[in-house]
Amino acid sequence: MKTDLQVSRWLNTETSPSLAALRGQLVVVHAFQMLCPACVSHGLPQTQRLHQQLQGQAAQVLGLHTVFEHHEAMGEVALRAFIHEYRLTFPIGIDRPGLEGDPIPQTMRAWGLRGTPSLLIFDAQGRLRAHEFGAVDDLALGLLLGQLLGEMSST
C-alpha cells in the first residue's frame, strides 16, 4: 500500500495511528459505515473481538469509518453515538472526504476499496497481505492472523 490512512480525526485513541508508525506490528484495518448492515452484524463485532484477543500481541486493530453514501446521516456526532452504543473500544479513524466533490473518501479511493465492510491486513513489514470485501469467516481470519504472527516470531 503506497498511501497511508487519510484520516480527518481519530476516536478512541489519544494518538494518530499510521501504518508507518505501526511498522513492526501486524495491523488489521476494518473499513466500515455505521449504516452498513454487514458491518453492524458481522464486521464490527468481529473487529471488537480481534481487538480484545490481540491485546499484548505485536498487533494493532484499527477501524476506518469510510462514508461513500448517505454522507449527511453519518457525520461525526452520529458516529460518536454509534461507537458508544455498540461499545467499540478500538481506535477508529474518520476517512477524509473525497477531493473536489468526489463522493468516495480519500483512503477508500487510494486503497481501491470496493465498499464496506472491507478488511485489510498488513504484516510487520507494512506489506498488504489480505484485502477482503464482505464478511470474512472467523476461522479463516484466525488462521491467517496466526500464520502472520508466527512469521513474526520466527524472524
N, C-alpha and C. Protein backbone atom coordinates (compact mmCIF):
# COMPACT_ATOMS: atom_id res chain seq x y z
N MET A 1 0.85 -1.16 0.00
CA MET A 1 0.00 0.00 0.00
C MET A 1 0.89 1.23 0.00
N LYS A 2 0.79 2.01 -0.99
CA LYS A 2 1.64 3.20 -1.10
C LYS A 2 1.14 4.34 -0.22
N THR A 3 -0.17 4.41 -0.03
CA THR A 3 -0.78 5.52 0.69
C THR A 3 -1.14 5.09 2.11
N ASP A 4 -0.82 5.92 3.07
CA ASP A 4 -1.20 5.67 4.45
C ASP A 4 -2.67 6.07 4.63
N LEU A 5 -3.19 5.84 5.80
CA LEU A 5 -4.55 6.25 6.14
C LEU A 5 -4.68 7.76 6.00
N GLN A 6 -5.75 8.21 5.37
CA GLN A 6 -6.04 9.64 5.23
C GLN A 6 -7.20 9.94 6.17
N VAL A 7 -6.91 10.27 7.40
CA VAL A 7 -7.92 10.39 8.45
C VAL A 7 -8.04 11.83 8.91
N SER A 8 -9.28 12.31 9.02
CA SER A 8 -9.51 13.68 9.48
C SER A 8 -9.52 13.77 11.01
N ARG A 9 -9.92 12.67 11.67
CA ARG A 9 -9.96 12.65 13.14
C ARG A 9 -9.96 11.20 13.61
N TRP A 10 -9.29 10.96 14.74
CA TRP A 10 -9.27 9.64 15.37
C TRP A 10 -10.14 9.68 16.62
N LEU A 11 -10.90 8.61 16.82
CA LEU A 11 -11.71 8.44 18.02
C LEU A 11 -11.20 7.21 18.77
N ASN A 12 -11.41 7.17 20.06
CA ASN A 12 -10.99 6.05 20.92
C ASN A 12 -9.47 5.95 21.07
N THR A 13 -8.74 7.01 20.82
CA THR A 13 -7.29 6.98 20.99
C THR A 13 -6.79 8.40 21.17
N GLU A 14 -5.69 8.52 21.91
CA GLU A 14 -5.05 9.82 22.12
C GLU A 14 -4.03 10.11 21.02
N THR A 15 -3.63 9.08 20.29
CA THR A 15 -2.62 9.24 19.24
C THR A 15 -3.29 9.19 17.87
N SER A 16 -2.51 9.46 16.85
CA SER A 16 -2.98 9.34 15.47
C SER A 16 -2.21 8.20 14.80
N PRO A 17 -2.74 6.99 14.87
CA PRO A 17 -2.03 5.85 14.30
C PRO A 17 -1.80 6.01 12.80
N SER A 18 -0.69 5.46 12.35
CA SER A 18 -0.40 5.42 10.92
C SER A 18 0.27 4.09 10.62
N LEU A 19 0.16 3.65 9.39
CA LEU A 19 0.82 2.40 9.02
C LEU A 19 2.33 2.52 9.21
N ALA A 20 2.87 3.68 8.89
CA ALA A 20 4.31 3.88 9.04
C ALA A 20 4.73 3.75 10.50
N ALA A 21 3.97 4.37 11.40
CA ALA A 21 4.30 4.33 12.83
C ALA A 21 4.10 2.93 13.41
N LEU A 22 3.24 2.14 12.80
CA LEU A 22 2.94 0.79 13.31
C LEU A 22 3.80 -0.29 12.67
N ARG A 23 4.78 0.11 11.85
CA ARG A 23 5.69 -0.85 11.24
C ARG A 23 6.30 -1.69 12.35
N GLY A 24 6.41 -2.98 12.13
CA GLY A 24 6.91 -3.91 13.15
C GLY A 24 5.78 -4.64 13.85
N GLN A 25 4.55 -4.20 13.60
CA GLN A 25 3.37 -4.85 14.17
C GLN A 25 2.47 -5.34 13.04
N LEU A 26 1.66 -6.32 13.34
CA LEU A 26 0.60 -6.75 12.45
C LEU A 26 -0.52 -5.72 12.59
N VAL A 27 -1.05 -5.24 11.47
CA VAL A 27 -2.09 -4.22 11.52
C VAL A 27 -3.32 -4.72 10.77
N VAL A 28 -4.46 -4.71 11.47
CA VAL A 28 -5.74 -5.10 10.88
C VAL A 28 -6.58 -3.83 10.79
N VAL A 29 -7.06 -3.52 9.58
CA VAL A 29 -7.91 -2.34 9.37
C VAL A 29 -9.28 -2.82 8.89
N HIS A 30 -10.31 -2.45 9.63
CA HIS A 30 -11.68 -2.76 9.24
C HIS A 30 -12.34 -1.47 8.75
N ALA A 31 -12.64 -1.41 7.45
CA ALA A 31 -13.31 -0.25 6.87
C ALA A 31 -14.82 -0.50 6.92
N PHE A 32 -15.56 0.47 7.45
CA PHE A 32 -16.99 0.27 7.66
C PHE A 32 -17.75 1.58 7.52
N GLN A 33 -19.07 1.44 7.44
CA GLN A 33 -20.01 2.55 7.56
C GLN A 33 -21.03 2.13 8.62
N MET A 34 -21.44 3.05 9.46
CA MET A 34 -22.35 2.67 10.53
C MET A 34 -23.74 2.27 10.03
N LEU A 35 -24.11 2.62 8.81
CA LEU A 35 -25.40 2.20 8.26
C LEU A 35 -25.27 0.99 7.34
N CYS A 36 -24.15 0.30 7.39
CA CYS A 36 -23.91 -0.89 6.58
C CYS A 36 -24.35 -2.11 7.38
N PRO A 37 -25.39 -2.82 6.94
CA PRO A 37 -25.89 -3.97 7.71
C PRO A 37 -24.83 -5.04 7.99
N ALA A 38 -24.01 -5.40 7.01
CA ALA A 38 -22.99 -6.43 7.23
C ALA A 38 -21.90 -5.94 8.18
N CYS A 39 -21.65 -4.65 8.20
CA CYS A 39 -20.66 -4.09 9.14
C CYS A 39 -21.18 -4.23 10.57
N VAL A 40 -22.45 -3.89 10.76
CA VAL A 40 -23.04 -3.92 12.10
C VAL A 40 -23.23 -5.35 12.59
N SER A 41 -23.68 -6.23 11.72
CA SER A 41 -23.98 -7.60 12.16
C SER A 41 -22.74 -8.49 12.25
N HIS A 42 -21.74 -8.25 11.43
CA HIS A 42 -20.59 -9.16 11.38
C HIS A 42 -19.24 -8.45 11.58
N GLY A 43 -18.94 -7.48 10.74
CA GLY A 43 -17.61 -6.88 10.70
C GLY A 43 -17.20 -6.20 11.99
N LEU A 44 -18.05 -5.35 12.55
CA LEU A 44 -17.68 -4.62 13.77
C LEU A 44 -17.59 -5.54 14.99
N PRO A 45 -18.54 -6.47 15.19
CA PRO A 45 -18.36 -7.40 16.31
C PRO A 45 -17.07 -8.23 16.16
N GLN A 46 -16.76 -8.67 14.95
CA GLN A 46 -15.54 -9.42 14.71
C GLN A 46 -14.31 -8.56 15.02
N THR A 47 -14.33 -7.32 14.61
CA THR A 47 -13.21 -6.41 14.84
C THR A 47 -13.04 -6.14 16.33
N GLN A 48 -14.13 -5.97 17.06
CA GLN A 48 -14.04 -5.76 18.51
C GLN A 48 -13.45 -6.99 19.19
N ARG A 49 -13.86 -8.19 18.77
CA ARG A 49 -13.29 -9.42 19.33
C ARG A 49 -11.80 -9.52 19.02
N LEU A 50 -11.42 -9.18 17.79
CA LEU A 50 -9.99 -9.19 17.42
C LEU A 50 -9.20 -8.24 18.31
N HIS A 51 -9.73 -7.05 18.50
CA HIS A 51 -9.06 -6.06 19.34
C HIS A 51 -8.81 -6.63 20.73
N GLN A 52 -9.80 -7.30 21.29
CA GLN A 52 -9.66 -7.88 22.62
C GLN A 52 -8.69 -9.06 22.62
N GLN A 53 -8.76 -9.92 21.61
CA GLN A 53 -7.92 -11.11 21.55
C GLN A 53 -6.45 -10.79 21.28
N LEU A 54 -6.19 -9.71 20.56
CA LEU A 54 -4.82 -9.40 20.17
C LEU A 54 -4.10 -8.49 21.17
N GLN A 55 -4.76 -8.16 22.29
CA GLN A 55 -4.11 -7.35 23.33
C GLN A 55 -2.84 -8.08 23.77
N GLY A 56 -1.75 -7.36 23.89
CA GLY A 56 -0.50 -7.94 24.33
C GLY A 56 0.31 -8.58 23.21
N GLN A 57 -0.26 -8.67 22.02
CA GLN A 57 0.46 -9.19 20.86
C GLN A 57 1.09 -8.02 20.12
N ALA A 58 1.96 -8.31 19.20
CA ALA A 58 2.56 -7.28 18.35
C ALA A 58 1.59 -7.00 17.21
N ALA A 59 0.41 -6.49 17.58
CA ALA A 59 -0.66 -6.28 16.61
C ALA A 59 -1.49 -5.07 17.00
N GLN A 60 -2.07 -4.43 16.01
CA GLN A 60 -2.95 -3.29 16.23
C GLN A 60 -4.18 -3.43 15.35
N VAL A 61 -5.35 -3.23 15.94
CA VAL A 61 -6.62 -3.28 15.22
C VAL A 61 -7.13 -1.85 15.11
N LEU A 62 -7.49 -1.45 13.89
CA LEU A 62 -7.99 -0.10 13.63
C LEU A 62 -9.31 -0.18 12.86
N GLY A 63 -10.17 0.77 13.12
CA GLY A 63 -11.37 0.94 12.33
C GLY A 63 -11.21 2.15 11.43
N LEU A 64 -11.86 2.11 10.28
CA LEU A 64 -11.87 3.25 9.36
C LEU A 64 -13.30 3.48 8.93
N HIS A 65 -13.89 4.58 9.41
CA HIS A 65 -15.26 4.92 9.01
C HIS A 65 -15.16 5.66 7.69
N THR A 66 -15.52 4.97 6.62
CA THR A 66 -15.34 5.48 5.27
C THR A 66 -16.71 5.61 4.61
N VAL A 67 -17.23 6.82 4.58
CA VAL A 67 -18.61 7.07 4.13
C VAL A 67 -18.62 7.45 2.66
N PHE A 68 -19.26 6.59 1.85
CA PHE A 68 -19.36 6.88 0.42
C PHE A 68 -20.80 7.08 -0.03
N GLU A 69 -21.73 7.04 0.91
CA GLU A 69 -23.15 7.29 0.62
C GLU A 69 -23.82 7.80 1.89
N HIS A 70 -24.95 8.45 1.76
CA HIS A 70 -25.69 8.98 2.92
C HIS A 70 -24.78 9.82 3.83
N HIS A 71 -23.98 10.67 3.22
CA HIS A 71 -23.00 11.46 3.96
C HIS A 71 -23.62 12.27 5.10
N GLU A 72 -24.78 12.87 4.88
CA GLU A 72 -25.40 13.73 5.89
C GLU A 72 -25.79 12.94 7.13
N ALA A 73 -26.15 11.68 6.98
CA ALA A 73 -26.62 10.87 8.11
C ALA A 73 -25.49 10.27 8.93
N MET A 74 -24.28 10.29 8.42
CA MET A 74 -23.19 9.59 9.10
C MET A 74 -22.04 10.50 9.48
N GLY A 75 -22.37 11.64 10.05
CA GLY A 75 -21.34 12.58 10.49
C GLY A 75 -20.70 12.15 11.80
N GLU A 76 -19.78 12.98 12.28
CA GLU A 76 -19.01 12.63 13.47
C GLU A 76 -19.88 12.49 14.72
N VAL A 77 -20.87 13.35 14.90
CA VAL A 77 -21.72 13.27 16.09
C VAL A 77 -22.46 11.93 16.11
N ALA A 78 -23.03 11.54 14.98
CA ALA A 78 -23.72 10.26 14.89
C ALA A 78 -22.75 9.10 15.11
N LEU A 79 -21.53 9.22 14.56
CA LEU A 79 -20.54 8.16 14.73
C LEU A 79 -20.14 8.02 16.20
N ARG A 80 -19.95 9.12 16.89
CA ARG A 80 -19.61 9.05 18.32
C ARG A 80 -20.70 8.32 19.11
N ALA A 81 -21.95 8.62 18.82
CA ALA A 81 -23.06 7.94 19.49
C ALA A 81 -23.07 6.46 19.14
N PHE A 82 -22.83 6.14 17.89
CA PHE A 82 -22.78 4.75 17.43
C PHE A 82 -21.68 3.98 18.16
N ILE A 83 -20.50 4.56 18.23
CA ILE A 83 -19.36 3.92 18.92
C ILE A 83 -19.71 3.65 20.38
N HIS A 84 -20.35 4.62 21.01
CA HIS A 84 -20.74 4.47 22.41
C HIS A 84 -21.77 3.35 22.57
N GLU A 85 -22.80 3.37 21.75
CA GLU A 85 -23.89 2.39 21.85
C GLU A 85 -23.42 0.97 21.57
N TYR A 86 -22.51 0.80 20.63
CA TYR A 86 -22.01 -0.53 20.29
C TYR A 86 -20.77 -0.91 21.10
N ARG A 87 -20.34 -0.03 22.00
CA ARG A 87 -19.22 -0.28 22.90
C ARG A 87 -17.95 -0.69 22.15
N LEU A 88 -17.65 0.05 21.11
CA LEU A 88 -16.44 -0.21 20.33
C LEU A 88 -15.27 0.48 21.02
N THR A 89 -14.19 -0.25 21.25
CA THR A 89 -13.08 0.30 22.02
C THR A 89 -11.78 0.44 21.23
N PHE A 90 -11.74 -0.04 20.00
CA PHE A 90 -10.52 0.08 19.19
C PHE A 90 -10.47 1.46 18.54
N PRO A 91 -9.28 1.93 18.17
CA PRO A 91 -9.16 3.23 17.52
C PRO A 91 -9.93 3.25 16.18
N ILE A 92 -10.67 4.33 15.96
CA ILE A 92 -11.46 4.47 14.73
C ILE A 92 -11.15 5.82 14.10
N GLY A 93 -10.69 5.76 12.86
CA GLY A 93 -10.40 6.97 12.10
C GLY A 93 -11.55 7.31 11.18
N ILE A 94 -11.76 8.59 10.98
CA ILE A 94 -12.77 9.06 10.04
C ILE A 94 -12.05 9.39 8.74
N ASP A 95 -12.37 8.63 7.69
CA ASP A 95 -11.74 8.83 6.39
C ASP A 95 -12.01 10.24 5.88
N ARG A 96 -10.97 10.88 5.34
CA ARG A 96 -11.12 12.24 4.80
C ARG A 96 -12.07 12.21 3.60
N PRO A 97 -12.93 13.21 3.49
CA PRO A 97 -13.84 13.27 2.33
C PRO A 97 -13.06 13.31 1.03
N GLY A 98 -13.73 12.85 -0.02
CA GLY A 98 -13.12 12.87 -1.34
C GLY A 98 -12.77 14.28 -1.79
N LEU A 99 -11.85 14.35 -2.72
CA LEU A 99 -11.40 15.64 -3.24
C LEU A 99 -12.35 16.20 -4.28
N GLU A 100 -12.52 17.49 -4.30
CA GLU A 100 -13.27 18.21 -5.34
C GLU A 100 -14.63 17.58 -5.63
N GLY A 101 -15.41 17.32 -4.58
CA GLY A 101 -16.76 16.81 -4.76
C GLY A 101 -16.85 15.32 -5.02
N ASP A 102 -15.74 14.62 -4.99
CA ASP A 102 -15.74 13.16 -5.16
C ASP A 102 -16.45 12.55 -3.96
N PRO A 103 -17.51 11.74 -4.15
CA PRO A 103 -18.22 11.14 -3.01
C PRO A 103 -17.42 10.03 -2.32
N ILE A 104 -16.34 9.57 -2.95
CA ILE A 104 -15.54 8.49 -2.39
C ILE A 104 -14.44 9.09 -1.51
N PRO A 105 -14.39 8.68 -0.22
CA PRO A 105 -13.37 9.22 0.68
C PRO A 105 -11.95 8.89 0.21
N GLN A 106 -10.99 9.65 0.71
CA GLN A 106 -9.62 9.58 0.20
C GLN A 106 -8.93 8.23 0.42
N THR A 107 -9.02 7.65 1.62
CA THR A 107 -8.38 6.35 1.84
C THR A 107 -9.07 5.28 1.02
N MET A 108 -10.40 5.34 0.99
CA MET A 108 -11.16 4.36 0.21
C MET A 108 -10.73 4.40 -1.26
N ARG A 109 -10.59 5.57 -1.80
CA ARG A 109 -10.18 5.74 -3.20
C ARG A 109 -8.73 5.24 -3.39
N ALA A 110 -7.83 5.67 -2.52
CA ALA A 110 -6.41 5.32 -2.66
C ALA A 110 -6.18 3.81 -2.51
N TRP A 111 -6.93 3.18 -1.63
CA TRP A 111 -6.75 1.75 -1.38
C TRP A 111 -7.59 0.87 -2.29
N GLY A 112 -8.43 1.46 -3.13
CA GLY A 112 -9.25 0.67 -4.05
C GLY A 112 -10.29 -0.18 -3.35
N LEU A 113 -10.86 0.34 -2.25
CA LEU A 113 -11.89 -0.41 -1.55
C LEU A 113 -13.16 -0.44 -2.39
N ARG A 114 -13.77 -1.62 -2.46
CA ARG A 114 -14.98 -1.80 -3.26
C ARG A 114 -16.25 -1.41 -2.51
N GLY A 115 -16.16 -1.32 -1.22
CA GLY A 115 -17.31 -0.99 -0.38
C GLY A 115 -17.02 -1.40 1.04
N THR A 116 -18.10 -1.51 1.82
CA THR A 116 -17.96 -1.92 3.21
C THR A 116 -18.87 -3.12 3.47
N PRO A 117 -18.46 -3.99 4.37
CA PRO A 117 -17.21 -3.99 5.12
C PRO A 117 -16.04 -4.44 4.25
N SER A 118 -14.89 -3.90 4.54
CA SER A 118 -13.63 -4.33 3.92
C SER A 118 -12.62 -4.55 5.04
N LEU A 119 -11.80 -5.57 4.88
CA LEU A 119 -10.79 -5.91 5.87
C LEU A 119 -9.44 -5.95 5.18
N LEU A 120 -8.48 -5.22 5.74
CA LEU A 120 -7.12 -5.21 5.20
C LEU A 120 -6.17 -5.60 6.32
N ILE A 121 -5.21 -6.45 5.98
CA ILE A 121 -4.23 -6.89 6.96
C ILE A 121 -2.84 -6.61 6.41
N PHE A 122 -2.05 -5.89 7.20
CA PHE A 122 -0.69 -5.54 6.85
C PHE A 122 0.26 -6.30 7.77
N ASP A 123 1.30 -6.89 7.20
CA ASP A 123 2.26 -7.61 8.03
C ASP A 123 3.22 -6.64 8.70
N ALA A 124 4.16 -7.18 9.47
CA ALA A 124 5.07 -6.35 10.25
C ALA A 124 5.97 -5.47 9.38
N GLN A 125 6.16 -5.86 8.11
CA GLN A 125 6.96 -5.04 7.19
C GLN A 125 6.10 -4.01 6.46
N GLY A 126 4.81 -3.96 6.78
CA GLY A 126 3.92 -3.00 6.15
C GLY A 126 3.35 -3.45 4.82
N ARG A 127 3.56 -4.74 4.47
CA ARG A 127 3.03 -5.26 3.21
C ARG A 127 1.58 -5.68 3.38
N LEU A 128 0.76 -5.35 2.39
CA LEU A 128 -0.63 -5.77 2.40
C LEU A 128 -0.70 -7.27 2.15
N ARG A 129 -1.23 -8.03 3.10
CA ARG A 129 -1.28 -9.48 2.98
C ARG A 129 -2.69 -9.99 2.74
N ALA A 130 -3.70 -9.17 3.03
CA ALA A 130 -5.09 -9.56 2.76
C ALA A 130 -5.89 -8.30 2.50
N HIS A 131 -6.80 -8.41 1.54
CA HIS A 131 -7.71 -7.31 1.19
C HIS A 131 -9.04 -7.98 0.85
N GLU A 132 -9.94 -8.02 1.81
CA GLU A 132 -11.21 -8.74 1.65
C GLU A 132 -12.38 -7.77 1.65
N PHE A 133 -13.33 -8.03 0.78
CA PHE A 133 -14.58 -7.26 0.73
C PHE A 133 -15.71 -8.18 1.16
N GLY A 134 -16.52 -7.70 2.09
CA GLY A 134 -17.63 -8.52 2.58
C GLY A 134 -17.25 -9.20 3.89
N ALA A 135 -18.16 -10.01 4.38
CA ALA A 135 -17.94 -10.71 5.64
C ALA A 135 -16.82 -11.74 5.48
N VAL A 136 -15.91 -11.75 6.44
CA VAL A 136 -14.78 -12.68 6.45
C VAL A 136 -15.04 -13.71 7.54
N ASP A 137 -14.91 -14.98 7.19
CA ASP A 137 -15.13 -16.07 8.13
C ASP A 137 -14.15 -15.97 9.30
N ASP A 138 -14.65 -16.15 10.52
CA ASP A 138 -13.81 -16.05 11.72
C ASP A 138 -12.65 -17.04 11.69
N LEU A 139 -12.93 -18.29 11.33
CA LEU A 139 -11.88 -19.31 11.33
C LEU A 139 -10.80 -18.99 10.30
N ALA A 140 -11.20 -18.61 9.10
CA ALA A 140 -10.23 -18.26 8.06
C ALA A 140 -9.38 -17.07 8.50
N LEU A 141 -10.01 -16.09 9.13
CA LEU A 141 -9.28 -14.92 9.60
C LEU A 141 -8.30 -15.31 10.71
N GLY A 142 -8.75 -16.14 11.63
CA GLY A 142 -7.88 -16.60 12.71
C GLY A 142 -6.67 -17.36 12.19
N LEU A 143 -6.89 -18.21 11.19
CA LEU A 143 -5.77 -18.96 10.61
C LEU A 143 -4.75 -18.02 9.97
N LEU A 144 -5.23 -17.05 9.22
CA LEU A 144 -4.33 -16.10 8.58
C LEU A 144 -3.56 -15.29 9.61
N LEU A 145 -4.25 -14.79 10.62
CA LEU A 145 -3.57 -13.99 11.64
C LEU A 145 -2.55 -14.84 12.40
N GLY A 146 -2.91 -16.09 12.71
CA GLY A 146 -1.95 -16.99 13.36
C GLY A 146 -0.71 -17.20 12.52
N GLN A 147 -0.91 -17.38 11.22
CA GLN A 147 0.22 -17.55 10.30
C GLN A 147 1.12 -16.32 10.31
N LEU A 148 0.51 -15.15 10.21
CA LEU A 148 1.28 -13.90 10.17
C LEU A 148 2.00 -13.63 11.49
N LEU A 149 1.34 -13.91 12.62
CA LEU A 149 2.00 -13.75 13.91
C LEU A 149 3.15 -14.74 14.05
N GLY A 150 2.94 -15.95 13.52
CA GLY A 150 4.01 -16.97 13.53
C GLY A 150 5.21 -16.53 12.72
N GLU A 151 4.96 -15.91 11.57
CA GLU A 151 6.06 -15.40 10.74
C GLU A 151 6.87 -14.37 11.51
N MET A 152 6.18 -13.55 12.29
CA MET A 152 6.86 -12.50 13.05
C MET A 152 7.76 -13.10 14.13
N SER A 153 7.29 -14.17 14.77
CA SER A 153 8.08 -14.74 15.87
C SER A 153 9.23 -15.58 15.37
N SER A 154 9.18 -16.01 14.10
CA SER A 154 10.26 -16.84 13.56
C SER A 154 11.38 -16.02 12.93
N THR A 155 11.20 -14.70 12.87
CA THR A 155 12.25 -13.86 12.28
C THR A 155 13.10 -13.20 13.32
